[in-house]
C-alpha atoms as a PDB file:
ATOM      1  CA  MET A   1     178.762 191.819 -96.279  1.00  0.00           C
ATOM      2  CA  ALA A   2     179.091 193.147 -92.632  1.00  0.00           C
ATOM      3  CA  ASN A   3     179.157 196.714 -94.012  1.00  0.00           C
ATOM      4  CA  GLU A   4     175.874 195.994 -95.603  1.00  0.00           C
ATOM      5  CA  ILE A   5     174.500 194.795 -92.247  1.00  0.00           C
ATOM      6  CA  ILE A   6     175.747 198.063 -90.616  1.00  0.00           C
ATOM      7  CA  ASP A   7     174.289 200.265 -93.341  1.00  0.00           C
ATOM      8  CA  ASN A   8     171.033 198.350 -93.114  1.00  0.00           C
ATOM      9  CA  ALA A   9     170.910 198.707 -89.313  1.00  0.00           C
ATOM     10  CA  LYS A  10     171.583 202.478 -89.686  1.00  0.00           C
ATOM     11  CA  GLU A  11     168.707 202.933 -92.129  1.00  0.00           C
ATOM     12  CA  LYS A  12     166.309 200.836 -89.944  1.00  0.00           C
ATOM     13  CA  MET A  13     167.323 202.976 -86.933  1.00  0.00           C
ATOM     14  CA  LYS A  14     166.750 206.127 -89.078  1.00  0.00           C
ATOM     15  CA  GLN A  15     163.135 204.798 -89.882  1.00  0.00           C
ATOM     16  CA  SER A  16     162.443 204.183 -86.225  1.00  0.00           C
ATOM     17  CA  LEU A  17     163.524 207.840 -85.307  1.00  0.00           C
ATOM     18  CA  ALA A  18     161.417 209.180 -88.150  1.00  0.00           C
ATOM     19  CA  SER A  19     158.416 207.221 -86.965  1.00  0.00           C
ATOM     20  CA  LEU A  20     159.020 208.682 -83.432  1.00  0.00           C
ATOM     21  CA  GLN A  21     159.101 212.244 -84.935  1.00  0.00           C
ATOM     22  CA  ARG A  22     155.773 211.523 -86.645  1.00  0.00           C
ATOM     23  CA  ASP A  23     154.269 210.168 -83.331  1.00  0.00           C
ATOM     24  CA  LEU A  24     155.606 213.140 -81.509  1.00  0.00           C
ATOM     25  CA  ALA A  25     154.168 215.641 -83.930  1.00  0.00           C
ATOM     26  CA  HIS A  26     150.704 214.311 -83.326  1.00  0.00           C
ATOM     27  CA  ILE A  27     150.857 215.221 -79.691  1.00  0.00           C
ATOM     28  CA  ARG A  28     149.274 218.728 -79.539  1.00  0.00           C
ATOM     29  CA  ALA A  29     151.143 221.137 -77.250  1.00  0.00           C
ATOM     30  CA  GLY A  30     148.586 223.957 -77.077  1.00  0.00           C
ATOM     31  CA  ARG A  31     150.011 225.441 -80.243  1.00  0.00           C
ATOM     32  CA  ALA A  32     148.739 225.182 -83.678  1.00  0.00           C
ATOM     33  CA  ASN A  33     150.658 222.796 -85.971  1.00  0.00           C
ATOM     34  CA  ALA A  34     149.593 221.753 -89.386  1.00  0.00           C
ATOM     35  CA  SER A  35     150.950 218.164 -88.635  1.00  0.00           C
ATOM     36  CA  LEU A  36     148.120 217.640 -86.121  1.00  0.00           C
ATOM     37  CA  LEU A  37     145.932 217.032 -89.032  1.00  0.00           C
ATOM     38  CA  ASP A  38     148.225 214.692 -91.016  1.00  0.00           C
ATOM     39  CA  ARG A  39     146.283 211.566 -89.889  1.00  0.00           C
ATOM     40  CA  ILE A  40     142.925 213.045 -90.787  1.00  0.00           C
ATOM     41  CA  GLN A  41     141.113 210.982 -93.564  1.00  0.00           C
ATOM     42  CA  VAL A  42     138.092 212.617 -95.409  1.00  0.00           C
ATOM     43  CA  VAL A  43     135.631 210.553 -97.470  1.00  0.00           C
ATOM     44  CA  TYR A  44     135.896 211.982-100.882  1.00  0.00           C
ATOM     45  CA  TYR A  45     133.801 210.362-103.618  1.00  0.00           C
ATOM     46  CA  GLY A  46     133.554 207.218-101.464  1.00  0.00           C
ATOM     47  CA  ALA A  47     137.279 206.762-100.770  1.00  0.00           C
ATOM     48  CA  PRO A  48     139.090 207.822 -97.594  1.00  0.00           C
ATOM     49  CA  THR A  49     141.645 210.623 -98.767  1.00  0.00           C
ATOM     50  CA  PRO A  50     144.197 212.418 -96.669  1.00  0.00           C
ATOM     51  CA  LEU A  51     143.112 215.907 -95.737  1.00  0.00           C
ATOM     52  CA  ASN A  52     146.283 217.438 -97.001  1.00  0.00           C
ATOM     53  CA  GLN A  53     145.409 216.293-100.509  1.00  0.00           C
ATOM     54  CA  LEU A  54     142.029 218.069-100.325  1.00  0.00           C
ATOM     55  CA  ALA A  55     142.860 221.407 -98.558  1.00  0.00           C
ATOM     56  CA  SER A  56     145.695 223.502 -97.523  1.00  0.00           C
ATOM     57  CA  VAL A  57     146.347 223.800 -93.856  1.00  0.00           C
ATOM     58  CA  THR A  58     147.594 227.205 -92.576  1.00  0.00           C
ATOM     59  CA  VAL A  59     148.530 228.572 -89.205  1.00  0.00           C
ATOM     60  CA  PRO A  60     147.168 232.283 -89.259  1.00  0.00           C
ATOM     61  CA  GLU A  61     147.719 232.678 -85.336  1.00  0.00           C
ATOM     62  CA  ALA A  62     149.628 230.828 -82.792  1.00  0.00           C
ATOM     63  CA  ARG A  63     146.705 228.709 -81.621  1.00  0.00           C
ATOM     64  CA  VAL A  64     144.568 228.639 -84.819  1.00  0.00           C
ATOM     65  CA  LEU A  65     144.712 226.363 -87.786  1.00  0.00           C
ATOM     66  CA  MET A  66     142.819 227.208 -90.833  1.00  0.00           C
ATOM     67  CA  VAL A  67     141.726 224.539 -93.422  1.00  0.00           C
ATOM     68  CA  THR A  68     140.853 225.938 -96.865  1.00  0.00           C
ATOM     69  CA  PRO A  69     139.604 223.187 -99.360  1.00  0.00           C
ATOM     70  CA  PHE A  70     140.684 223.280-102.817  1.00  0.00           C
ATOM     71  CA  ASP A  71     137.037 222.390-103.721  1.00  0.00           C
ATOM     72  CA  LYS A  72     134.497 224.294-101.650  1.00  0.00           C
ATOM     73  CA  THR A  73     131.903 221.472-102.114  1.00  0.00           C
ATOM     74  CA  ILE A  74     133.745 219.224 -99.842  1.00  0.00           C
ATOM     75  CA  LEU A  75     133.663 221.726 -96.937  1.00  0.00           C
ATOM     76  CA  LYS A  76     131.018 219.883 -95.069  1.00  0.00           C
ATOM     77  CA  ASP A  77     132.905 216.440 -95.515  1.00  0.00           C
ATOM     78  CA  ILE A  78     136.115 217.953 -94.151  1.00  0.00           C
ATOM     79  CA  GLU A  79     134.073 219.446 -91.094  1.00  0.00           C
ATOM     80  CA  LYS A  80     132.558 215.982 -90.437  1.00  0.00           C
ATOM     81  CA  ALA A  81     135.942 214.290 -90.631  1.00  0.00           C
ATOM     82  CA  LEU A  82     137.575 216.902 -88.174  1.00  0.00           C
ATOM     83  CA  TYR A  83     134.658 216.446 -85.902  1.00  0.00           C
ATOM     84  CA  GLU A  84     134.841 212.771 -85.854  1.00  0.00           C
ATOM     85  CA  SER A  85     138.465 212.661 -85.326  1.00  0.00           C
ATOM     86  CA  ASP A  86     140.372 212.038 -82.069  1.00  0.00           C
ATOM     87  CA  LEU A  87     141.567 215.647 -81.972  1.00  0.00           C
ATOM     88  CA  GLY A  88     138.991 216.884 -79.324  1.00  0.00           C
ATOM     89  CA  ILE A  89     138.737 220.247 -81.206  1.00  0.00           C
ATOM     90  CA  THR A  90     135.363 221.429 -82.599  1.00  0.00           C
ATOM     91  CA  PRO A  91     135.738 222.897 -86.082  1.00  0.00           C
ATOM     92  CA  ALA A  92     134.185 226.255 -86.814  1.00  0.00           C
ATOM     93  CA  ASN A  93     132.942 226.466 -90.437  1.00  0.00           C
ATOM     94  CA  ASP A  94     132.331 229.928 -91.903  1.00  0.00           C
ATOM     95  CA  GLY A  95     131.192 228.626 -95.397  1.00  0.00           C
ATOM     96  CA  SER A  96     134.537 229.018 -97.028  1.00  0.00           C
ATOM     97  CA  VAL A  97     137.167 227.828 -94.451  1.00  0.00           C
ATOM     98  CA  ILE A  98     137.312 225.857 -91.395  1.00  0.00           C
ATOM     99  CA  ARG A  99     139.079 227.232 -88.432  1.00  0.00           C
ATOM    100  CA  LEU A 100     140.243 225.021 -85.549  1.00  0.00           C
ATOM    101  CA  VAL A 101     141.135 226.879 -82.251  1.00  0.00           C
ATOM    102  CA  ILE A 102     143.560 224.891 -80.113  1.00  0.00           C
ATOM    103  CA  PRO A 103     142.688 225.399 -76.518  1.00  0.00           C
ATOM    104  CA  MET A 104     145.240 225.950 -73.887  1.00  0.00           C
ATOM    105  CA  LEU A 105     146.286 222.990 -71.962  1.00  0.00           C
ATOM    106  CA  THR A 106     146.168 222.558 -68.355  1.00  0.00           C
ATOM    107  CA  GLU A 107     149.183 221.753 -66.205  1.00  0.00           C
ATOM    108  CA  GLU A 108     147.787 218.347 -65.467  1.00  0.00           C
ATOM    109  CA  ARG A 109     147.102 217.683 -68.970  1.00  0.00           C
ATOM    110  CA  ARG A 110     150.649 218.738 -70.037  1.00  0.00           C
ATOM    111  CA  LYS A 111     151.958 216.170 -67.608  1.00  0.00           C
ATOM    112  CA  GLU A 112     149.780 213.555 -68.923  1.00  0.00           C
ATOM    113  CA  LEU A 113     150.999 214.260 -72.437  1.00  0.00           C
ATOM    114  CA  VAL A 114     154.558 213.980 -71.281  1.00  0.00           C
ATOM    115  CA  LYS A 115     153.903 210.652 -69.689  1.00  0.00           C
ATOM    116  CA  ASP A 116     152.122 209.414 -72.896  1.00  0.00           C
ATOM    117  CA  MET A 117     155.091 210.690 -74.857  1.00  0.00           C
ATOM    118  CA  GLY A 118     157.326 208.342 -72.840  1.00  0.00           C
ATOM    119  CA  LYS A 119     155.581 205.402 -74.361  1.00  0.00           C
ATOM    120  CA  PHE A 120     156.547 206.582 -77.842  1.00  0.00           C
ATOM    121  CA  ILE A 121     160.078 207.032 -76.879  1.00  0.00           C
ATOM    122  CA  GLU A 122     160.267 203.637 -75.110  1.00  0.00           C
ATOM    123  CA  ALA A 123     158.784 201.921 -78.123  1.00  0.00           C
ATOM    124  CA  SER A 124     161.337 203.597 -80.447  1.00  0.00           C
ATOM    125  CA  LYS A 125     164.373 202.687 -78.068  1.00  0.00           C
ATOM    126  CA  VAL A 126     163.053 199.063 -78.229  1.00  0.00           C
ATOM    127  CA  ALA A 127     162.884 199.113 -81.980  1.00  0.00           C
ATOM    128  CA  ILE A 128     166.337 200.526 -81.960  1.00  0.00           C
ATOM    129  CA  ARG A 129     167.750 197.764 -79.635  1.00  0.00           C
ATOM    130  CA  ASN A 130     165.937 195.129 -81.753  1.00  0.00           C
ATOM    131  CA  VAL A 131     167.793 196.351 -84.806  1.00  0.00           C
ATOM    132  CA  ARG A 132     171.137 196.200 -82.868  1.00  0.00           C
ATOM    133  CA  ARG A 133     170.321 192.615 -81.775  1.00  0.00           C
ATOM    134  CA  ASP A 134     169.550 191.517 -85.423  1.00  0.00           C
ATOM    135  CA  ALA A 135     172.690 193.233 -86.699  1.00  0.00           C
ATOM    136  CA  MET A 136     174.963 191.663 -84.064  1.00  0.00           C
ATOM    137  CA  ASP A 137     173.291 188.083 -84.745  1.00  0.00           C
ATOM    138  CA  SER A 138     174.196 188.529 -88.472  1.00  0.00           C
ATOM    139  CA  VAL A 139     177.726 189.452 -87.740  1.00  0.00           C
ATOM    140  CA  LYS A 140     178.167 186.516 -85.309  1.00  0.00           C
ATOM    141  CA  LYS A 141     176.663 184.195 -88.001  1.00  0.00           C
ATOM    142  CA  GLN A 142     179.275 185.427 -90.586  1.00  0.00           C
ATOM    143  CA  GLU A 143     182.051 184.706 -88.031  1.00  0.00           C
ATOM    144  CA  LYS A 144     180.704 181.162 -87.590  1.00  0.00           C
ATOM    145  CA  ALA A 145     180.619 180.699 -91.394  1.00  0.00           C
ATOM    146  CA  LYS A 146     184.170 181.886 -91.398  1.00  0.00           C
ATOM    147  CA  GLU A 147     183.474 184.758 -93.625  1.00  0.00           C
ATOM    148  CA  ILE A 148     185.023 187.333 -91.018  1.00  0.00           C
ATOM    149  CA  THR A 149     187.461 186.841 -88.314  1.00  0.00           C
ATOM    150  CA  GLU A 150     186.953 187.300 -84.558  1.00  0.00           C
ATOM    151  CA  ASP A 151     188.692 190.761 -84.578  1.00  0.00           C
ATOM    152  CA  GLU A 152     186.466 191.935 -87.493  1.00  0.00           C
ATOM    153  CA  ARG A 153     183.499 190.703 -85.665  1.00  0.00           C
ATOM    154  CA  LYS A 154     184.377 192.717 -82.676  1.00  0.00           C
ATOM    155  CA  ALA A 155     185.199 195.754 -84.755  1.00  0.00           C
ATOM    156  CA  PHE A 156     181.618 195.521 -86.363  1.00  0.00           C
ATOM    157  CA  GLU A 157     180.103 194.931 -83.031  1.00  0.00           C
ATOM    158  CA  LYS A 158     181.651 198.144 -81.849  1.00  0.00           C
ATOM    159  CA  ASP A 159     180.379 200.143 -84.914  1.00  0.00           C
ATOM    160  CA  ILE A 160     176.933 198.609 -84.484  1.00  0.00           C
ATOM    161  CA  GLN A 161     176.978 199.713 -80.664  1.00  0.00           C
ATOM    162  CA  LYS A 162     178.084 203.168 -81.687  1.00  0.00           C
ATOM    163  CA  ILE A 163     175.115 203.744 -84.258  1.00  0.00           C
ATOM    164  CA  THR A 164     172.762 202.225 -81.548  1.00  0.00           C
ATOM    165  CA  ASP A 165     174.037 204.791 -79.027  1.00  0.00           C
ATOM    166  CA  ASP A 166     173.808 207.601 -81.495  1.00  0.00           C
ATOM    167  CA  ALA A 167     170.129 206.679 -82.320  1.00  0.00           C
ATOM    168  CA  THR A 168     169.220 206.443 -78.643  1.00  0.00           C
ATOM    169  CA  LYS A 169     170.695 209.850 -77.992  1.00  0.00           C
ATOM    170  CA  GLU A 170     168.738 211.272 -80.781  1.00  0.00           C
ATOM    171  CA  ALA A 171     165.370 209.703 -79.532  1.00  0.00           C
ATOM    172  CA  ASP A 172     166.387 211.347 -76.238  1.00  0.00           C
ATOM    173  CA  ARG A 173     166.964 214.700 -77.812  1.00  0.00           C
ATOM    174  CA  LEU A 174     163.727 214.592 -79.671  1.00  0.00           C
ATOM    175  CA  ALA A 175     161.787 213.770 -76.416  1.00  0.00           C
ATOM    176  CA  SER A 176     163.535 216.476 -74.509  1.00  0.00           C
ATOM    177  CA  VAL A 177     162.646 219.122 -77.303  1.00  0.00           C
ATOM    178  CA  LYS A 178     158.989 218.022 -77.308  1.00  0.00           C
ATOM    179  CA  GLU A 179     158.832 217.757 -73.415  1.00  0.00           C
ATOM    180  CA  LYS A 180     160.130 221.343 -73.327  1.00  0.00           C
ATOM    181  CA  GLU A 181     157.553 222.325 -75.836  1.00  0.00           C
ATOM    182  CA  LEU A 182     154.772 220.741 -73.914  1.00  0.00           C
ATOM    183  CA  LEU A 183     155.746 222.167 -70.562  1.00  0.00           C
ATOM    184  CA  ASP A 184     156.303 225.701 -71.756  1.00  0.00           C
ATOM    185  CA  ILE A 185     153.206 227.866 -71.246  1.00  0.00           C
END
């Protein structure tokens, strides 16, 4: 039972780190990255549809994203969705593909993005600590219910703390990689 608690905590911490990775991928660093468009929804036959289901997104140059729709008739809809998105990049439509040129970031903007990134990191660490707290509470309840001994509880708590520390280190590693990417010119 306590092993299930630890496995469950590991899985939840992995999910928190995966969420952090997705959030960090959406921060644009002056380089083209297809994941910038993952959140874009295009109204297709009246239903919001993810852009990556309607078009292929490629990176022909370091600072250019090229969107090639599978169906050329939705080019205008894709262009409209990109224009209305929070990307802050004006799409260039040449009739068959849409190009997005990622502008270079100013030093000031880079520092702002690093600061914003800190919010994602902290939210991820809070989620990890909440998972730890819930797992610790569950183990303590098992001890109260006489399902495990005090020594077993202490061993499980030690294991839970170790996976928490590992997850926190991974969050810090992801943050430093993204920060380096943002601050490199």
